[in-house]
């Protein structure tokens, strides 16, 4: 049975505290395969908790549930990749909660492995810090389309910074833009990665850019939507 708004708040708060502590402790596991396995298991549990929410939880959850159940009636201005993912999932599952769980899994997994690329030993601790931000809640509840796009973009940038894998970076950059155009802000990291900055500066830029989604940027952007179609798409 889907979790209603009030109950979800308490459950999510408790789960986040527990997961923060556990993910942080996982960083001390020396055996890397075990560290990765435990991280993924916890990630699945976390995504399930956030996915079994009611469509009344989150600003756009009902809209996304409608896109999932009636993808053919989705708005014309929605990016094609998200519509495609929704249609594919619609062939496999029928309930919106399974849809939310799957989107959350994709988002959180790509965030996790992006952290893993940046730091092979301490990525669970980095993910635990991510859990403490309102960004995590936004990406898993209210802004799942933007969240998935940002996760793809984060993976594209981290792949380029650490592996210099241009093909993978281009592929996931395109996937992110095809999911939500707002990912273009995060992809500006590619420009910075060409400049000889210290890694800490690049990491700080990534964190700063992503943190924009933790605040009410909608109230800032909304008055300018009518000026140009691009601003509306970014919104």
C-alpha atoms as a PDB file:
ATOM      1  CA  UNK A   1       0.000   0.000   0.000  1.00  0.00           C
ATOM      2  CA  UNK A   2       1.444   3.435  -0.942  1.00  0.00           C
ATOM      3  CA  UNK A   3       2.700   5.600   1.928  1.00  0.00           C
ATOM      4  CA  UNK A   4       0.808   8.849   2.471  1.00  0.00           C
ATOM      5  CA  UNK A   5       2.452  12.278   2.907  1.00  0.00           C
ATOM      6  CA  UNK A   6       2.514  12.491   6.727  1.00  0.00           C
ATOM      7  CA  UNK A   7       3.707   8.924   7.279  1.00  0.00           C
ATOM      8  CA  UNK A   8       6.251   9.262   4.486  1.00  0.00           C
ATOM      9  CA  UNK A   9       7.867  12.278   6.151  1.00  0.00           C
ATOM     10  CA  UNK A  10       8.569  10.346   9.356  1.00  0.00           C
ATOM     11  CA  UNK A  11       9.714   7.186   7.582  1.00  0.00           C
ATOM     12  CA  UNK A  12      11.989   9.072   5.164  1.00  0.00           C
ATOM     13  CA  UNK A  13      13.533  11.064   8.024  1.00  0.00           C
ATOM     14  CA  UNK A  14      14.313   7.949  10.074  1.00  0.00           C
ATOM     15  CA  UNK A  15      15.575   5.989   7.062  1.00  0.00           C
ATOM     16  CA  UNK A  16      17.863   8.840   5.988  1.00  0.00           C
ATOM     17  CA  UNK A  17      19.445   9.030   9.444  1.00  0.00           C
ATOM     18  CA  UNK A  18      20.055   5.283   9.509  1.00  0.00           C
ATOM     19  CA  UNK A  19      21.346   5.189   5.933  1.00  0.00           C
ATOM     20  CA  UNK A  20      23.646   8.153   6.567  1.00  0.00           C
ATOM     21  CA  UNK A  21      25.316   6.319   9.448  1.00  0.00           C
ATOM     22  CA  UNK A  22      25.520   2.987   7.639  1.00  0.00           C
ATOM     23  CA  UNK A  23      26.872   4.388   4.364  1.00  0.00           C
ATOM     24  CA  UNK A  24      29.487   6.330   6.328  1.00  0.00           C
ATOM     25  CA  UNK A  25      30.600   3.174   8.171  1.00  0.00           C
ATOM     26  CA  UNK A  26      30.769   1.206   4.923  1.00  0.00           C
ATOM     27  CA  UNK A  27      33.627   3.453   3.840  1.00  0.00           C
ATOM     28  CA  UNK A  28      35.827   1.662   6.384  1.00  0.00           C
ATOM     29  CA  UNK A  29      35.362  -1.728   4.699  1.00  0.00           C
ATOM     30  CA  UNK A  30      38.729  -2.574   3.180  1.00  0.00           C
ATOM     31  CA  UNK A  31      37.561  -5.190   0.674  1.00  0.00           C
ATOM     32  CA  UNK A  32      36.314  -3.138  -2.282  1.00  0.00           C
ATOM     33  CA  UNK A  33      33.949  -5.758  -3.824  1.00  0.00           C
ATOM     34  CA  UNK A  34      32.217  -6.192  -0.449  1.00  0.00           C
ATOM     35  CA  UNK A  35      32.009  -2.428  -0.018  1.00  0.00           C
ATOM     36  CA  UNK A  36      30.360  -2.097  -3.430  1.00  0.00           C
ATOM     37  CA  UNK A  37      27.957  -5.002  -2.827  1.00  0.00           C
ATOM     38  CA  UNK A  38      26.759  -3.659   0.538  1.00  0.00           C
ATOM     39  CA  UNK A  39      26.407  -0.157  -0.947  1.00  0.00           C
ATOM     40  CA  UNK A  40      24.234  -1.411  -3.798  1.00  0.00           C
ATOM     41  CA  UNK A  41      22.026  -3.463  -1.452  1.00  0.00           C
ATOM     42  CA  UNK A  42      21.466  -0.416   0.750  1.00  0.00           C
ATOM     43  CA  UNK A  43      20.826   1.673  -2.338  1.00  0.00           C
ATOM     44  CA  UNK A  44      18.080  -0.712  -3.445  1.00  0.00           C
ATOM     45  CA  UNK A  45      16.418  -0.584  -0.012  1.00  0.00           C
ATOM     46  CA  UNK A  46      16.640   3.203   0.035  1.00  0.00           C
ATOM     47  CA  UNK A  47      15.122   3.499  -3.431  1.00  0.00           C
ATOM     48  CA  UNK A  48      12.275   1.176  -2.460  1.00  0.00           C
ATOM     49  CA  UNK A  49      11.426   3.271   0.613  1.00  0.00           C
ATOM     50  CA  UNK A  50      11.271   6.436  -1.477  1.00  0.00           C
ATOM     51  CA  UNK A  51       9.482   4.674  -4.322  1.00  0.00           C
ATOM     52  CA  UNK A  52       6.505   3.212  -2.453  1.00  0.00           C
ATOM     53  CA  UNK A  53       5.174   6.695  -1.702  1.00  0.00           C
ATOM     54  CA  UNK A  54       1.712   7.847  -2.668  1.00  0.00           C
ATOM     55  CA  UNK A  55       1.302  10.033  -5.743  1.00  0.00           C
ATOM     56  CA  UNK A  56       0.257  12.738  -3.255  1.00  0.00           C
ATOM     57  CA  UNK A  57       3.840  12.879  -1.952  1.00  0.00           C
ATOM     58  CA  UNK A  58       5.941  15.324  -3.932  1.00  0.00           C
ATOM     59  CA  UNK A  59       5.053  18.287  -6.113  1.00  0.00           C
ATOM     60  CA  UNK A  60       5.057  16.466  -9.459  1.00  0.00           C
ATOM     61  CA  UNK A  61       4.506  12.832  -8.432  1.00  0.00           C
ATOM     62  CA  UNK A  62       0.940  12.781  -9.738  1.00  0.00           C
ATOM     63  CA  UNK A  63       2.079  14.270 -13.049  1.00  0.00           C
ATOM     64  CA  UNK A  64       4.814  11.651 -13.418  1.00  0.00           C
ATOM     65  CA  UNK A  65       2.401   8.870 -12.503  1.00  0.00           C
ATOM     66  CA  UNK A  66       0.079  10.144 -15.231  1.00  0.00           C
ATOM     67  CA  UNK A  67       2.959  10.179 -17.735  1.00  0.00           C
ATOM     68  CA  UNK A  68       3.717   6.594 -16.763  1.00  0.00           C
ATOM     69  CA  UNK A  69       0.135   5.313 -17.063  1.00  0.00           C
ATOM     70  CA  UNK A  70      -0.736   7.410 -20.130  1.00  0.00           C
ATOM     71  CA  UNK A  71       2.596   8.089 -21.832  1.00  0.00           C
ATOM     72  CA  UNK A  72       0.862   8.784 -25.142  1.00  0.00           C
ATOM     73  CA  UNK A  73      -0.907  11.762 -23.532  1.00  0.00           C
ATOM     74  CA  UNK A  74       2.291  13.304 -22.126  1.00  0.00           C
ATOM     75  CA  UNK A  75       3.000  16.966 -22.798  1.00  0.00           C
ATOM     76  CA  UNK A  76       4.763  17.743 -26.060  1.00  0.00           C
ATOM     77  CA  UNK A  77       7.474  19.735 -24.287  1.00  0.00           C
ATOM     78  CA  UNK A  78       8.743  16.765 -22.268  1.00  0.00           C
ATOM     79  CA  UNK A  79      12.158  15.471 -23.302  1.00  0.00           C
ATOM     80  CA  UNK A  80      12.035  12.245 -25.387  1.00  0.00           C
ATOM     81  CA  UNK A  81      14.323  10.100 -23.224  1.00  0.00           C
ATOM     82  CA  UNK A  82      12.095  10.356 -20.175  1.00  0.00           C
ATOM     83  CA  UNK A  83       9.019   9.503 -22.233  1.00  0.00           C
ATOM     84  CA  UNK A  84      10.860   6.510 -23.715  1.00  0.00           C
ATOM     85  CA  UNK A  85      11.906   5.259 -20.261  1.00  0.00           C
ATOM     86  CA  UNK A  86       8.324   5.669 -19.033  1.00  0.00           C
ATOM     87  CA  UNK A  87       6.933   3.715 -21.990  1.00  0.00           C
ATOM     88  CA  UNK A  88       9.463   0.896 -21.550  1.00  0.00           C
ATOM     89  CA  UNK A  89       8.730   0.619 -17.836  1.00  0.00           C
ATOM     90  CA  UNK A  90       5.026   0.614 -18.654  1.00  0.00           C
ATOM     91  CA  UNK A  91       5.544  -2.638 -20.549  1.00  0.00           C
ATOM     92  CA  UNK A  92       7.063  -4.274 -17.466  1.00  0.00           C
ATOM     93  CA  UNK A  93       5.217  -2.847 -14.438  1.00  0.00           C
ATOM     94  CA  UNK A  94       1.735  -1.436 -13.958  1.00  0.00           C
ATOM     95  CA  UNK A  95       1.770   0.400 -10.617  1.00  0.00           C
ATOM     96  CA  UNK A  96       3.215   3.927 -10.270  1.00  0.00           C
ATOM     97  CA  UNK A  97       5.149   2.852  -7.160  1.00  0.00           C
ATOM     98  CA  UNK A  98       7.194   0.317  -9.165  1.00  0.00           C
ATOM     99  CA  UNK A  99       7.813   3.091 -11.658  1.00  0.00           C
ATOM    100  CA  UNK A 100       9.045   5.443  -8.900  1.00  0.00           C
ATOM    101  CA  UNK A 101      11.265   2.706  -7.458  1.00  0.00           C
ATOM    102  CA  UNK A 102      12.901   2.046 -10.829  1.00  0.00           C
ATOM    103  CA  UNK A 103      13.533   5.734 -11.565  1.00  0.00           C
ATOM    104  CA  UNK A 104      14.951   6.193  -8.056  1.00  0.00           C
ATOM    105  CA  UNK A 105      17.200   3.175  -8.519  1.00  0.00           C
ATOM    106  CA  UNK A 106      18.592   4.538 -11.771  1.00  0.00           C
ATOM    107  CA  UNK A 107      19.148   7.988 -10.290  1.00  0.00           C
ATOM    108  CA  UNK A 108      20.772   6.847  -7.055  1.00  0.00           C
ATOM    109  CA  UNK A 109      22.902   4.198  -8.744  1.00  0.00           C
ATOM    110  CA  UNK A 110      24.452   6.630 -11.206  1.00  0.00           C
ATOM    111  CA  UNK A 111      25.105   9.105  -8.402  1.00  0.00           C
ATOM    112  CA  UNK A 112      26.778   6.350  -6.369  1.00  0.00           C
ATOM    113  CA  UNK A 113      29.036   5.084  -9.154  1.00  0.00           C
ATOM    114  CA  UNK A 114      29.910   8.664 -10.074  1.00  0.00           C
ATOM    115  CA  UNK A 115      31.162   9.174  -6.529  1.00  0.00           C
ATOM    116  CA  UNK A 116      32.944   5.834  -6.863  1.00  0.00           C
ATOM    117  CA  UNK A 117      34.822   7.110  -9.909  1.00  0.00           C
ATOM    118  CA  UNK A 118      35.927  10.204  -7.996  1.00  0.00           C
ATOM    119  CA  UNK A 119      37.013   8.281  -4.893  1.00  0.00           C
ATOM    120  CA  UNK A 120      37.222   4.474  -5.002  1.00  0.00           C
ATOM    121  CA  UNK A 121      37.576   4.122  -1.223  1.00  0.00           C
ATOM    122  CA  UNK A 122      35.391   6.820   0.316  1.00  0.00           C
ATOM    123  CA  UNK A 123      32.458   6.949  -2.112  1.00  0.00           C
ATOM    124  CA  UNK A 124      29.968   5.548   0.451  1.00  0.00           C
ATOM    125  CA  UNK A 125      30.860   8.458   2.758  1.00  0.00           C
ATOM    126  CA  UNK A 126      30.337  10.896  -0.123  1.00  0.00           C
ATOM    127  CA  UNK A 127      26.952   9.315  -0.789  1.00  0.00           C
ATOM    128  CA  UNK A 128      26.077   9.603   2.914  1.00  0.00           C
ATOM    129  CA  UNK A 129      26.702  13.356   2.692  1.00  0.00           C
ATOM    130  CA  UNK A 130      24.502  13.457  -0.401  1.00  0.00           C
ATOM    131  CA  UNK A 131      21.728  11.896   1.706  1.00  0.00           C
ATOM    132  CA  UNK A 132      21.818  14.838   4.117  1.00  0.00           C
ATOM    133  CA  UNK A 133      21.025  17.375   1.382  1.00  0.00           C
ATOM    134  CA  UNK A 134      17.552  18.416   0.323  1.00  0.00           C
ATOM    135  CA  UNK A 135      18.812  17.689  -3.183  1.00  0.00           C
ATOM    136  CA  UNK A 136      18.500  13.959  -2.506  1.00  0.00           C
ATOM    137  CA  UNK A 137      14.852  14.367  -1.536  1.00  0.00           C
ATOM    138  CA  UNK A 138      14.171  16.501  -4.603  1.00  0.00           C
ATOM    139  CA  UNK A 139      15.812  14.004  -6.962  1.00  0.00           C
ATOM    140  CA  UNK A 140      13.887  11.083  -5.473  1.00  0.00           C
ATOM    141  CA  UNK A 141      10.492  12.662  -4.835  1.00  0.00           C
ATOM    142  CA  UNK A 142       9.603  15.975  -6.473  1.00  0.00           C
ATOM    143  CA  UNK A 143      12.036  16.303  -9.380  1.00  0.00           C
ATOM    144  CA  UNK A 144      12.621  12.753 -10.556  1.00  0.00           C
ATOM    145  CA  UNK A 145      12.996  13.774 -14.207  1.00  0.00           C
ATOM    146  CA  UNK A 146      15.581  16.447 -13.422  1.00  0.00           C
ATOM    147  CA  UNK A 147      17.152  14.092 -10.870  1.00  0.00           C
ATOM    148  CA  UNK A 148      17.682  11.333 -13.422  1.00  0.00           C
ATOM    149  CA  UNK A 149      19.111  13.849 -15.896  1.00  0.00           C
ATOM    150  CA  UNK A 150      21.521  15.190 -13.275  1.00  0.00           C
ATOM    151  CA  UNK A 151      22.607  11.663 -12.376  1.00  0.00           C
ATOM    152  CA  UNK A 152      23.407  10.926 -16.047  1.00  0.00           C
ATOM    153  CA  UNK A 153      25.262  14.247 -16.317  1.00  0.00           C
ATOM    154  CA  UNK A 154      27.215  13.567 -13.123  1.00  0.00           C
ATOM    155  CA  UNK A 155      28.295  10.205 -14.515  1.00  0.00           C
ATOM    156  CA  UNK A 156      29.318  11.813 -17.808  1.00  0.00           C
ATOM    157  CA  UNK A 157      31.471  14.411 -16.060  1.00  0.00           C
ATOM    158  CA  UNK A 158      33.020  12.001 -13.546  1.00  0.00           C
ATOM    159  CA  UNK A 159      33.876   9.565 -16.370  1.00  0.00           C
ATOM    160  CA  UNK A 160      35.673  12.300 -18.232  1.00  0.00           C
ATOM    161  CA  UNK A 161      37.502  13.696 -15.195  1.00  0.00           C
ATOM    162  CA  UNK A 162      38.759  10.325 -13.946  1.00  0.00           C
ATOM    163  CA  UNK A 163      38.988   8.078 -17.034  1.00  0.00           C
ATOM    164  CA  UNK A 164      39.121  10.603 -19.889  1.00  0.00           C
ATOM    165  CA  UNK A 165      36.531   8.337 -21.517  1.00  0.00           C
ATOM    166  CA  UNK A 166      35.150  10.723 -24.126  1.00  0.00           C
ATOM    167  CA  UNK A 167      32.735   8.234 -25.749  1.00  0.00           C
ATOM    168  CA  UNK A 168      31.016   7.376 -22.474  1.00  0.00           C
ATOM    169  CA  UNK A 169      30.969  11.039 -21.479  1.00  0.00           C
ATOM    170  CA  UNK A 170      29.332  12.104 -24.744  1.00  0.00           C
ATOM    171  CA  UNK A 171      26.800   9.255 -24.568  1.00  0.00           C
ATOM    172  CA  UNK A 172      25.651  10.107 -21.042  1.00  0.00           C
ATOM    173  CA  UNK A 173      25.741  13.830 -21.766  1.00  0.00           C
ATOM    174  CA  UNK A 174      23.273  13.251 -24.589  1.00  0.00           C
ATOM    175  CA  UNK A 175      21.165  10.964 -22.382  1.00  0.00           C
ATOM    176  CA  UNK A 176      21.047  13.623 -19.678  1.00  0.00           C
ATOM    177  CA  UNK A 177      19.986  16.372 -22.093  1.00  0.00           C
ATOM    178  CA  UNK A 178      17.391  14.058 -23.644  1.00  0.00           C
ATOM    179  CA  UNK A 179      15.984  13.446 -20.157  1.00  0.00           C
ATOM    180  CA  UNK A 180      15.895  17.081 -19.016  1.00  0.00           C
ATOM    181  CA  UNK A 181      17.535  20.103 -20.593  1.00  0.00           C
ATOM    182  CA  UNK A 182      18.518  21.557 -17.208  1.00  0.00           C
ATOM    183  CA  UNK A 183      21.427  19.073 -17.147  1.00  0.00           C
ATOM    184  CA  UNK A 184      23.276  21.463 -19.446  1.00  0.00           C
ATOM    185  CA  UNK A 185      24.168  23.525 -16.358  1.00  0.00           C
ATOM    186  CA  UNK A 186      26.020  20.619 -14.794  1.00  0.00           C
ATOM    187  CA  UNK A 187      27.692  19.680 -18.078  1.00  0.00           C
ATOM    188  CA  UNK A 188      29.543  22.995 -17.992  1.00  0.00           C
ATOM    189  CA  UNK A 189      31.978  21.051 -15.784  1.00  0.00           C
ATOM    190  CA  UNK A 190      33.525  19.756 -19.017  1.00  0.00           C
ATOM    191  CA  UNK A 191      34.825  23.237 -19.737  1.00  0.00           C
ATOM    192  CA  UNK A 192      36.399  23.492 -16.297  1.00  0.00           C
ATOM    193  CA  UNK A 193      37.943  20.038 -16.627  1.00  0.00           C
ATOM    194  CA  UNK A 194      39.990  21.295 -19.587  1.00  0.00           C
ATOM    195  CA  UNK A 195      41.600  23.930 -17.357  1.00  0.00           C
ATOM    196  CA  UNK A 196      44.405  22.975 -15.000  1.00  0.00           C
ATOM    197  CA  UNK A 197      42.504  23.329 -11.747  1.00  0.00           C
ATOM    198  CA  UNK A 198      43.149  21.345  -8.620  1.00  0.00           C
ATOM    199  CA  UNK A 199      40.720  18.429  -8.291  1.00  0.00           C
ATOM    200  CA  UNK A 200      39.220  19.959  -5.163  1.00  0.00           C
ATOM    201  CA  UNK A 201      38.075  22.965  -7.227  1.00  0.00           C
ATOM    202  CA  UNK A 202      36.361  20.703  -9.757  1.00  0.00           C
ATOM    203  CA  UNK A 203      34.681  18.737  -6.974  1.00  0.00           C
ATOM    204  CA  UNK A 204      33.572  21.986  -5.331  1.00  0.00           C
ATOM    205  CA  UNK A 205      32.057  23.164  -8.631  1.00  0.00           C
ATOM    206  CA  UNK A 206      30.167  19.880  -9.017  1.00  0.00           C
ATOM    207  CA  UNK A 207      28.806  20.145  -5.482  1.00  0.00           C
ATOM    208  CA  UNK A 208      27.902  23.824  -5.913  1.00  0.00           C
ATOM    209  CA  UNK A 209      26.128  23.209  -9.221  1.00  0.00           C
ATOM    210  CA  UNK A 210      24.147  20.260  -7.900  1.00  0.00           C
ATOM    211  CA  UNK A 211      23.275  22.157  -4.711  1.00  0.00           C
ATOM    212  CA  UNK A 212      21.343  24.688  -6.808  1.00  0.00           C
ATOM    213  CA  UNK A 213      18.646  22.042  -7.041  1.00  0.00           C
ATOM    214  CA  UNK A 214      18.414  22.001  -3.234  1.00  0.00           C
ATOM    215  CA  UNK A 215      16.960  25.498  -3.125  1.00  0.00           C
ATOM    216  CA  UNK A 216      13.818  27.067  -4.527  1.00  0.00           C
ATOM    217  CA  UNK A 217      15.337  27.999  -7.873  1.00  0.00           C
ATOM    218  CA  UNK A 218      11.895  27.667  -9.439  1.00  0.00           C
ATOM    219  CA  UNK A 219      10.797  30.967  -7.880  1.00  0.00           C
ATOM    220  CA  UNK A 220      13.845  32.645  -9.425  1.00  0.00           C
ATOM    221  CA  UNK A 221      13.459  31.199 -12.915  1.00  0.00           C
ATOM    222  CA  UNK A 222       9.662  31.233 -13.225  1.00  0.00           C
ATOM    223  CA  UNK A 223       9.225  34.999 -13.965  1.00  0.00           C
ATOM    224  CA  UNK A 224      11.598  34.688 -16.938  1.00  0.00           C
ATOM    225  CA  UNK A 225       9.950  31.681 -18.620  1.00  0.00           C
ATOM    226  CA  UNK A 226       8.124  33.736 -21.213  1.00  0.00           C
ATOM    227  CA  UNK A 227      11.255  35.538 -22.438  1.00  0.00           C
ATOM    228  CA  UNK A 228      12.715  32.665 -24.409  1.00  0.00           C
ATOM    229  CA  UNK A 229      11.781  29.025 -25.049  1.00  0.00           C
ATOM    230  CA  UNK A 230      15.147  27.852 -23.646  1.00  0.00           C
ATOM    231  CA  UNK A 231      14.442  29.360 -20.217  1.00  0.00           C
ATOM    232  CA  UNK A 232      11.123  27.554 -20.132  1.00  0.00           C
ATOM    233  CA  UNK A 233      12.819  24.273 -20.986  1.00  0.00           C
ATOM    234  CA  UNK A 234      15.439  24.778 -18.277  1.00  0.00           C
ATOM    235  CA  UNK A 235      12.668  25.416 -15.791  1.00  0.00           C
END
